[in-house]
PDB file of N, CA and C in Angstrom:
ATOM      1  N   MET A   1      -1.171  -5.114   7.159  1.00  0.00           N
ATOM      2  CA  MET A   1      -1.862  -6.503   6.607  1.00  0.00           C
ATOM      3  C   MET A   1      -2.273  -6.463   5.484  1.00  0.00           C
ATOM      4  N   SER A   2      -2.316  -7.787   5.068  1.00  0.00           N
ATOM      5  CA  SER A   2      -2.437  -7.979   3.373  1.00  0.00           C
ATOM      6  C   SER A   2      -2.515  -9.565   3.517  1.00  0.00           C
ATOM      7  N   GLY A   3      -3.282  -9.564   2.874  1.00  0.00           N
ATOM      8  CA  GLY A   3      -3.847 -11.351   2.535  1.00  0.00           C
ATOM      9  C   GLY A   3      -3.993 -11.786   3.602  1.00  0.00           C
ATOM     10  N   GLY A   4      -5.026 -11.226   4.895  1.00  0.00           N
ATOM     11  CA  GLY A   4      -4.592 -12.427   5.993  1.00  0.00           C
ATOM     12  C   GLY A   4      -3.176 -12.353   6.637  1.00  0.00           C
ATOM     13  N   HIS A   5      -2.293 -11.676   6.450  1.00  0.00           N
ATOM     14  CA  HIS A   5      -1.356 -11.848   7.421  1.00  0.00           C
ATOM     15  C   HIS A   5      -1.187 -10.368   7.848  1.00  0.00           C
ATOM     16  N   VAL A   6      -0.472 -10.749   8.826  1.00  0.00           N
ATOM     17  CA  VAL A   6       0.064  -9.333   9.962  1.00  0.00           C
ATOM     18  C   VAL A   6       1.944  -9.458   9.736  1.00  0.00           C
ATOM     19  N   GLN A   7       1.759  -8.320   9.055  1.00  0.00           N
ATOM     20  CA  GLN A   7       3.618  -8.547   9.398  1.00  0.00           C
ATOM     21  C   GLN A   7       4.094  -7.314  10.508  1.00  0.00           C
ATOM     22  N   TYR A   8       5.178  -6.894  10.975  1.00  0.00           N
ATOM     23  CA  TYR A   8       5.792  -6.057  11.853  1.00  0.00           C
ATOM     24  C   TYR A   8       6.947  -5.407  11.039  1.00  0.00           C
ATOM     25  N   GLY A   9       7.012  -4.428  11.672  1.00  0.00           N
ATOM     26  CA  GLY A   9       8.654  -4.007  11.319  1.00  0.00           C
ATOM     27  C   GLY A   9       8.908  -3.479   9.518  1.00  0.00           C
ATOM     28  N   TRP A  10       9.803  -2.689   9.180  1.00  0.00           N
ATOM     29  CA  TRP A  10       9.936  -2.088   7.994  1.00  0.00           C
ATOM     30  C   TRP A  10      11.018  -3.728   7.423  1.00  0.00           C
ATOM     31  N   GLN A  11      11.378  -4.362   7.566  1.00  0.00           N
ATOM     32  CA  GLN A  11      12.449  -5.139   7.433  1.00  0.00           C
ATOM     33  C   GLN A  11      12.030  -6.364   6.367  1.00  0.00           C
ATOM     34  N   GLN A  12      10.685  -6.543   7.364  1.00  0.00           N
ATOM     35  CA  GLN A  12      10.284  -7.871   6.902  1.00  0.00           C
ATOM     36  C   GLN A  12       9.107  -6.982   5.721  1.00  0.00           C
ATOM     37  N   LEU A  13       8.702  -6.078   5.575  1.00  0.00           N
ATOM     38  CA  LEU A  13       8.042  -5.775   4.693  1.00  0.00           C
ATOM     39  C   LEU A  13       8.639  -5.741   3.425  1.00  0.00           C
ATOM     40  N   TYR A  14      10.269  -4.686   3.805  1.00  0.00           N
ATOM     41  CA  TYR A  14      10.769  -4.599   2.520  1.00  0.00           C
ATOM     42  C   TYR A  14      10.722  -6.597   2.006  1.00  0.00           C
ATOM     43  N   ASP A  15      11.866  -7.284   2.337  1.00  0.00           N
ATOM     44  CA  ASP A  15      12.049  -8.246   2.093  1.00  0.00           C
ATOM     45  C   ASP A  15      10.482  -8.987   1.335  1.00  0.00           C
ATOM     46  N   ARG A  16       9.465  -8.786   2.025  1.00  0.00           N
ATOM     47  CA  ARG A  16       8.290  -9.403   1.174  1.00  0.00           C
ATOM     48  C   ARG A  16       7.940  -8.783  -0.193  1.00  0.00           C
ATOM     49  N   TYR A  17       8.590  -7.199  -0.692  1.00  0.00           N
ATOM     50  CA  TYR A  17       8.304  -6.919  -1.542  1.00  0.00           C
ATOM     51  C   TYR A  17       9.582  -7.315  -2.424  1.00  0.00           C
ATOM     52  N   GLN A  18      10.869  -7.537  -1.806  1.00  0.00           N
ATOM     53  CA  GLN A  18      11.897  -7.757  -2.829  1.00  0.00           C
ATOM     54  C   GLN A  18      11.793  -9.387  -3.556  1.00  0.00           C
ATOM     55  N   ALA A  19      11.137 -10.421  -2.796  1.00  0.00           N
ATOM     56  CA  ALA A  19      10.788 -11.641  -2.866  1.00  0.00           C
ATOM     57  C   ALA A  19       9.395 -11.589  -3.992  1.00  0.00           C
ATOM     58  N   ASN A  20       8.635 -10.659  -3.664  1.00  0.00           N
ATOM     59  CA  ASN A  20       7.224 -10.808  -4.474  1.00  0.00           C
ATOM     60  C   ASN A  20       7.179 -10.377  -5.916  1.00  0.00           C
ATOM     61  N   TYR A  21       8.291  -8.993  -5.995  1.00  0.00           N
ATOM     62  CA  TYR A  21       8.311  -7.920  -6.948  1.00  0.00           C
ATOM     63  C   TYR A  21       9.206  -7.756  -7.436  1.00  0.00           C
ATOM     64  N   PHE A  22      10.638  -7.941  -7.225  1.00  0.00           N
ATOM     65  CA  PHE A  22      11.378  -7.497  -7.169  1.00  0.00           C
ATOM     66  C   PHE A  22      12.707  -8.197  -7.846  1.00  0.00           C
ATOM     67  N   ALA A  23      12.143  -9.460  -7.168  1.00  0.00           N
ATOM     68  CA  ALA A  23      12.666 -10.819  -7.524  1.00  0.00           C
ATOM     69  C   ALA A  23      13.494 -10.849  -9.308  1.00  0.00           C
ATOM     70  N   PRO A  24      14.341 -10.926 -10.043  1.00  0.00           N
ATOM     71  CA  PRO A  24      15.208 -11.546 -11.091  1.00  0.00           C
ATOM     72  C   PRO A  24      14.068 -12.532 -11.933  1.00  0.00           C
ATOM     73  N   GLY A  25      12.730 -11.592 -13.030  1.00  0.00           N
ATOM     74  CA  GLY A  25      11.694 -12.776 -13.217  1.00  0.00           C
ATOM     75  C   GLY A  25      10.629 -12.807 -12.906  1.00  0.00           C
ATOM     76  N   LYS A  26      10.707 -11.431 -12.022  1.00  0.00           N
ATOM     77  CA  LYS A  26       9.168 -11.349 -11.885  1.00  0.00           C
ATOM     78  C   LYS A  26       8.761 -10.074 -12.424  1.00  0.00           C
ATOM     79  N   SER A  27       7.692 -10.350 -12.759  1.00  0.00           N
ATOM     80  CA  SER A  27       7.085  -8.815 -13.386  1.00  0.00           C
ATOM     81  C   SER A  27       6.309  -7.915 -12.064  1.00  0.00           C
ATOM     82  N   ARG A  28       6.139  -6.750 -12.955  1.00  0.00           N
ATOM     83  CA  ARG A  28       5.776  -5.496 -11.729  1.00  0.00           C
ATOM     84  C   ARG A  28       4.494  -5.356 -12.641  1.00  0.00           C
ATOM     85  N   ASP A  29       3.604  -5.002 -11.287  1.00  0.00           N
ATOM     86  CA  ASP A  29       2.463  -4.464 -11.692  1.00  0.00           C
ATOM     87  C   ASP A  29       2.492  -2.699 -11.750  1.00  0.00           C
ATOM     88  N   SER A  30       1.515  -2.471 -12.183  1.00  0.00           N
ATOM     89  CA  SER A  30       1.405  -1.139 -12.242  1.00  0.00           C
ATOM     90  C   SER A  30       0.203  -0.625 -11.032  1.00  0.00           C
ATOM     91  N   LEU A  31       0.409   0.296 -10.323  1.00  0.00           N
ATOM     92  CA  LEU A  31      -0.861   0.281  -9.344  1.00  0.00           C
ATOM     93  C   LEU A  31      -0.936   2.030  -9.343  1.00  0.00           C
ATOM     94  N   SER A  32      -2.583   2.061  -9.097  1.00  0.00           N
ATOM     95  CA  SER A  32      -2.979   3.467  -9.217  1.00  0.00           C
ATOM     96  C   SER A  32      -4.225   3.511  -8.466  1.00  0.00           C
ATOM     97  N   PHE A  33      -4.482   4.826  -8.134  1.00  0.00           N
ATOM     98  CA  PHE A  33      -5.510   4.503  -7.581  1.00  0.00           C
ATOM     99  C   PHE A  33      -5.832   6.630  -7.604  1.00  0.00           C
ATOM    100  N   ASP A  34      -6.997   7.062  -7.323  1.00  0.00           N
ATOM    101  CA  ASP A  34      -7.000   8.451  -7.979  1.00  0.00           C
ATOM    102  C   ASP A  34      -7.968   9.128  -6.650  1.00  0.00           C
ATOM    103  N   GLU A  35      -7.877  10.431  -6.939  1.00  0.00           N
ATOM    104  CA  GLU A  35      -8.052  11.345  -5.666  1.00  0.00           C
ATOM    105  C   GLU A  35      -8.389  10.510  -3.461  1.00  0.00           C
ATOM    106  N   LEU A  36      -6.839  10.490  -3.638  1.00  0.00           N
ATOM    107  CA  LEU A  36      -6.453   9.947  -1.989  1.00  0.00           C
ATOM    108  C   LEU A  36      -7.276  10.530  -1.594  1.00  0.00           C
ATOM    109  N   ALA A  37      -7.888  10.310  -0.195  1.00  0.00           N
ATOM    110  CA  ALA A  37      -8.738  11.388   0.518  1.00  0.00           C
ATOM    111  C   ALA A  37      -7.678  11.207   1.737  1.00  0.00           C
ATOM    112  N   CYS A  38      -7.524  12.479   2.504  1.00  0.00           N
ATOM    113  CA  CYS A  38      -6.440  12.366   3.774  1.00  0.00           C
ATOM    114  C   CYS A  38      -6.965  12.924   5.057  1.00  0.00           C
ATOM    115  N   ALA A  39      -6.898  12.786   6.232  1.00  0.00           N
ATOM    116  CA  ALA A  39      -7.589  14.099   7.139  1.00  0.00           C
ATOM    117  C   ALA A  39      -5.956  13.907   8.291  1.00  0.00           C
ATOM    118  N   ARG A  40      -6.064  15.039   8.271  1.00  0.00           N
ATOM    119  CA  ARG A  40      -4.944  15.000   9.680  1.00  0.00           C
ATOM    120  C   ARG A  40      -5.643  15.015  10.693  1.00  0.00           C
ATOM    121  N   ALA A  41      -4.975  13.904  11.459  1.00  0.00           N
ATOM    122  CA  ALA A  41      -5.339  13.786  12.850  1.00  0.00           C
ATOM    123  C   ALA A  41      -4.649  15.175  13.617  1.00  0.00           C
ATOM    124  N   ASP A  42      -3.637  15.445  13.351  1.00  0.00           N
ATOM    125  CA  ASP A  42      -2.901  17.098  14.157  1.00  0.00           C
ATOM    126  C   ASP A  42      -1.764  17.403  13.505  1.00  0.00           C
ATOM    127  N   THR A  43      -0.905  17.952  13.678  1.00  0.00           N
ATOM    128  CA  THR A  43       0.020  18.721  12.751  1.00  0.00           C
ATOM    129  C   THR A  43       1.278  17.589  12.067  1.00  0.00           C
ATOM    130  N   GLY A  44       1.040  16.635  13.479  1.00  0.00           N
ATOM    131  CA  GLY A  44       2.089  15.517  12.311  1.00  0.00           C
ATOM    132  C   GLY A  44       1.344  13.835  12.596  1.00  0.00           C
ATOM    133  N   SER A  45       0.408  14.038  12.096  1.00  0.00           N
ATOM    134  CA  SER A  45      -0.463  12.928  11.833  1.00  0.00           C
ATOM    135  C   SER A  45      -1.595  12.908  10.810  1.00  0.00           C
ATOM    136  N   ALA A  46      -1.982  11.630  10.301  1.00  0.00           N
ATOM    137  CA  ALA A  46      -2.758  11.782   8.947  1.00  0.00           C
ATOM    138  C   ALA A  46      -3.290  10.539   8.542  1.00  0.00           C
ATOM    139  N   VAL A  47      -4.595   9.845   8.420  1.00  0.00           N
ATOM    140  CA  VAL A  47      -5.029   9.406   7.968  1.00  0.00           C
ATOM    141  C   VAL A  47      -5.640   9.048   6.203  1.00  0.00           C
ATOM    142  N   CYS A  48      -5.541   8.095   5.727  1.00  0.00           N
ATOM    143  CA  CYS A  48      -5.334   8.994   4.289  1.00  0.00           C
ATOM    144  C   CYS A  48      -6.369   7.124   4.043  1.00  0.00           C
ATOM    145  N   ASP A  49      -7.250   7.297   2.938  1.00  0.00           N
ATOM    146  CA  ASP A  49      -8.180   6.171   2.225  1.00  0.00           C
ATOM    147  C   ASP A  49      -8.245   6.155   0.788  1.00  0.00           C
ATOM    148  N   ARG A  50      -8.712   5.226   0.133  1.00  0.00           N
ATOM    149  CA  ARG A  50      -8.781   5.142  -1.016  1.00  0.00           C
ATOM    150  C   ARG A  50      -8.841   3.594  -1.380  1.00  0.00           C
ATOM    151  N   ALA A  51      -9.534   3.446  -3.242  1.00  0.00           N
ATOM    152  CA  ALA A  51      -9.300   1.946  -3.494  1.00  0.00           C
ATOM    153  C   ALA A  51      -8.414   1.882  -4.379  1.00  0.00           C
ATOM    154  N   LEU A  52      -7.357   0.666  -4.470  1.00  0.00           N
ATOM    155  CA  LEU A  52      -6.335   0.869  -5.542  1.00  0.00           C
ATOM    156  C   LEU A  52      -6.395  -0.270  -6.543  1.00  0.00           C
ATOM    157  N   GLN A  53      -6.253  -0.042  -7.538  1.00  0.00           N
ATOM    158  CA  GLN A  53      -5.790  -1.246  -8.892  1.00  0.00           C
ATOM    159  C   GLN A  53      -4.518  -1.260  -9.491  1.00  0.00           C
ATOM    160  N   ALA A  54      -3.958  -2.656  -8.984  1.00  0.00           N
ATOM    161  CA  ALA A  54      -2.952  -2.895  -9.287  1.00  0.00           C
ATOM    162  C   ALA A  54      -3.443  -4.241 -10.845  1.00  0.00           C
ATOM    163  N   SER A  55      -2.364  -3.497 -11.615  1.00  0.00           N
ATOM    164  CA  SER A  55      -2.865  -3.969 -13.483  1.00  0.00           C
ATOM    165  C   SER A  55      -1.421  -4.079 -13.755  1.00  0.00           C
ATOM    166  N   ARG A  56      -1.483  -5.888 -14.603  1.00  0.00           N
ATOM    167  CA  ARG A  56      -0.337  -5.877 -14.942  1.00  0.00           C
ATOM    168  C   ARG A  56      -0.473  -5.879 -16.911  1.00  0.00           C
ATOM    169  N   ALA A  57       0.719  -5.254 -17.341  1.00  0.00           N
ATOM    170  CA  ALA A  57       0.601  -5.098 -18.870  1.00  0.00           C
ATOM    171  C   ALA A  57      -0.262  -3.809 -19.278  1.00  0.00           C
ATOM    172  N   ALA A  58      -0.542  -2.937 -18.108  1.00  0.00           N
ATOM    173  CA  ALA A  58      -1.843  -2.022 -18.529  1.00  0.00           C
ATOM    174  C   ALA A  58      -2.857  -2.546 -18.972  1.00  0.00           C
ATOM    175  N   THR A  59      -3.324  -3.903 -18.471  1.00  0.00           N
ATOM    176  CA  THR A  59      -4.440  -3.759 -19.311  1.00  0.00           C
ATOM    177  C   THR A  59      -5.498  -4.666 -18.076  1.00  0.00           C
ATOM    178  N   ALA A  60      -4.718  -6.089 -17.831  1.00  0.00           N
ATOM    179  CA  ALA A  60      -5.246  -7.174 -16.995  1.00  0.00           C
ATOM    180  C   ALA A  60      -5.438  -6.600 -15.234  1.00  0.00           C
ATOM    181  N   VAL A  61      -6.322  -6.422 -14.336  1.00  0.00           N
ATOM    182  CA  VAL A  61      -6.441  -5.824 -13.681  1.00  0.00           C
ATOM    183  C   VAL A  61      -6.290  -7.437 -12.375  1.00  0.00           C
ATOM    184  N   VAL A  62      -5.044  -7.183 -11.763  1.00  0.00           N
ATOM    185  CA  VAL A  62      -4.621  -8.649 -11.200  1.00  0.00           C
ATOM    186  C   VAL A  62      -5.178  -8.052  -9.509  1.00  0.00           C
ATOM    187  N   ALA A  63      -5.622  -6.974  -9.134  1.00  0.00           N
ATOM    188  CA  ALA A  63      -5.841  -7.184  -7.878  1.00  0.00           C
ATOM    189  C   ALA A  63      -6.693  -5.699  -7.386  1.00  0.00           C
ATOM    190  N   SER A  64      -7.469  -5.575  -6.994  1.00  0.00           N
ATOM    191  CA  SER A  64      -8.040  -4.446  -6.226  1.00  0.00           C
ATOM    192  C   SER A  64      -8.623  -4.467  -5.131  1.00  0.00           C
ATOM    193  N   GLY A  65      -9.227  -2.944  -4.709  1.00  0.00           N
ATOM    194  CA  GLY A  65      -9.670  -3.042  -3.369  1.00  0.00           C
ATOM    195  C   GLY A  65      -9.169  -1.893  -2.386  1.00  0.00           C
ATOM    196  N   PRO A  66     -10.376  -1.681  -1.234  1.00  0.00           N
ATOM    197  CA  PRO A  66      -9.953  -0.402  -0.490  1.00  0.00           C
ATOM    198  C   PRO A  66      -8.440  -0.001   0.831  1.00  0.00           C
ATOM    199  N   PHE A  67      -7.281   0.760   1.345  1.00  0.00           N
ATOM    200  CA  PHE A  67      -6.657   0.537   1.917  1.00  0.00           C
ATOM    201  C   PHE A  67      -7.156   1.905   2.439  1.00  0.00           C
ATOM    202  N   THR A  68      -6.376   1.792   4.052  1.00  0.00           N
ATOM    203  CA  THR A  68      -6.450   2.203   4.776  1.00  0.00           C
ATOM    204  C   THR A  68      -5.110   2.747   5.475  1.00  0.00           C
ATOM    205  N   LEU A  69      -4.233   4.274   4.898  1.00  0.00           N
ATOM    206  CA  LEU A  69      -2.759   4.614   5.763  1.00  0.00           C
ATOM    207  C   LEU A  69      -3.006   5.217   6.879  1.00  0.00           C
ATOM    208  N   VAL A  70      -2.303   5.055   7.725  1.00  0.00           N
ATOM    209  CA  VAL A  70      -1.885   6.054   8.966  1.00  0.00           C
ATOM    210  C   VAL A  70      -0.484   6.418   9.150  1.00  0.00           C
ATOM    211  N   LEU A  71       0.043   7.531   8.810  1.00  0.00           N
ATOM    212  CA  LEU A  71       0.850   8.314   8.267  1.00  0.00           C
ATOM    213  C   LEU A  71       1.280   9.082   9.266  1.00  0.00           C
ATOM    214  N   GLN A  72       2.979   9.591   9.550  1.00  0.00           N
ATOM    215  CA  GLN A  72       3.471  10.435  10.837  1.00  0.00           C
ATOM    216  C   GLN A  72       4.188  11.200   9.801  1.00  0.00           C
ATOM    217  N   ARG A  73       4.210  12.408  10.640  1.00  0.00           N
ATOM    218  CA  ARG A  73       5.261  13.179   9.882  1.00  0.00           C
ATOM    219  C   ARG A  73       6.544  13.606  10.492  1.00  0.00           C
ATOM    220  N   GLN A  74       7.616  13.123  10.160  1.00  0.00           N
ATOM    221  CA  GLN A  74       8.955  12.842  10.742  1.00  0.00           C
ATOM    222  C   GLN A  74      10.041  14.226   9.425  1.00  0.00           C
ATOM    223  N   GLY A  75      10.362  14.735  10.051  1.00  0.00           N
ATOM    224  CA  GLY A  75      10.851  16.049   9.741  1.00  0.00           C
ATOM    225  C   GLY A  75      10.353  16.536   8.628  1.00  0.00           C
ATOM    226  N   ASP A  76      10.676  16.690   7.128  1.00  0.00           N
ATOM    227  CA  ASP A  76      10.238  16.873   6.307  1.00  0.00           C
ATOM    228  C   ASP A  76       9.543  16.367   5.535  1.00  0.00           C
ATOM    229  N   ARG A  77       9.113  14.471   5.883  1.00  0.00           N
ATOM    230  CA  ARG A  77       8.650  13.147   5.517  1.00  0.00           C
ATOM    231  C   ARG A  77       7.322  12.605   5.703  1.00  0.00           C
ATOM    232  N   TRP A  78       6.735  12.385   4.954  1.00  0.00           N
ATOM    233  CA  TRP A  78       5.579  11.719   5.947  1.00  0.00           C
ATOM    234  C   TRP A  78       5.543   9.772   5.805  1.00  0.00           C
ATOM    235  N   ARG A  79       5.490   9.412   6.882  1.00  0.00           N
ATOM    236  CA  ARG A  79       5.892   8.052   7.219  1.00  0.00           C
ATOM    237  C   ARG A  79       5.085   7.067   7.259  1.00  0.00           C
ATOM    238  N   ILE A  80       4.950   6.237   6.506  1.00  0.00           N
ATOM    239  CA  ILE A  80       3.314   4.742   6.363  1.00  0.00           C
ATOM    240  C   ILE A  80       3.492   3.838   8.074  1.00  0.00           C
ATOM    241  N   LEU A  81       2.885   4.090   9.047  1.00  0.00           N
ATOM    242  CA  LEU A  81       3.242   3.785  10.322  1.00  0.00           C
ATOM    243  C   LEU A  81       1.886   2.305   9.818  1.00  0.00           C
ATOM    244  N   HIS A  82       0.815   2.562   9.477  1.00  0.00           N
ATOM    245  CA  HIS A  82      -0.096   1.423   9.540  1.00  0.00           C
ATOM    246  C   HIS A  82      -0.407   1.015   8.454  1.00  0.00           C
ATOM    247  N   ASP A  83      -0.326   0.163   7.480  1.00  0.00           N
ATOM    248  CA  ASP A  83      -1.119  -0.001   6.255  1.00  0.00           C
ATOM    249  C   ASP A  83      -2.029  -1.616   5.917  1.00  0.00           C
ATOM    250  N   HIS A  84      -3.626  -1.037   5.879  1.00  0.00           N
ATOM    251  CA  HIS A  84      -4.323  -2.011   6.074  1.00  0.00           C
ATOM    252  C   HIS A  84      -5.096  -2.064   4.775  1.00  0.00           C
ATOM    253  N   THR A  85      -4.746  -3.269   3.730  1.00  0.00           N
ATOM    254  CA  THR A  85      -5.583  -3.119   2.465  1.00  0.00           C
ATOM    255  C   THR A  85      -6.591  -4.623   2.614  1.00  0.00           C
ATOM    256  N   SER A  86      -7.692  -4.455   1.737  1.00  0.00           N
ATOM    257  CA  SER A  86      -8.499  -5.331   1.752  1.00  0.00           C
ATOM    258  C   SER A  86      -8.650  -5.293   0.419  1.00  0.00           C
ATOM    259  N   PRO A  87      -8.694  -6.567   0.204  1.00  0.00           N
ATOM    260  CA  PRO A  87      -8.866  -7.434  -1.287  1.00  0.00           C
ATOM    261  C   PRO A  87     -10.836  -7.292  -1.849  1.00  0.00           C
ATOM    262  N   ASP A  88     -11.003  -6.860  -3.290  1.00  0.00           N
ATOM    263  CA  ASP A  88     -12.131  -6.384  -3.399  1.00  0.00           C
ATOM    264  C   ASP A  88     -13.127  -8.089  -3.519  1.00  0.00           C
ATOM    265  N   PRO A  89     -14.376  -8.406  -3.361  1.00  0.00           N
ATOM    266  CA  PRO A  89     -14.769  -9.410  -3.300  1.00  0.00           C
ATOM    267  C   PRO A  89     -14.592 -10.255  -4.722  1.00  0.00           C
ATOM    268  N   LYS A  90     -14.154 -11.290  -4.976  1.00  0.00           N
ATOM    269  CA  LYS A  90     -14.071 -11.776  -6.797  1.00  0.00           C
ATOM    270  C   LYS A  90     -15.226 -12.581  -6.998  1.00  0.00           C
TER     271      LYS A  90
END
């Protein structure tokens, strides 16, 4: 979920990221967050939350807000099953 829109499936998310962030001529933002807080639900899943900040040219903040991730362990990797990001109030 982002910007009031729900997307399902990795291909739709991949296509959106390609068009919005990696297309020729698009500038890339720098994403940062500190002290990601995670709690394991069991040995194969976890929930993480924190606030993010996206900056352009290392000085101008273009987006910020809290997020929650639901992760699942698959083999030796953690995969994001659900991402809910909310914008900070303007």
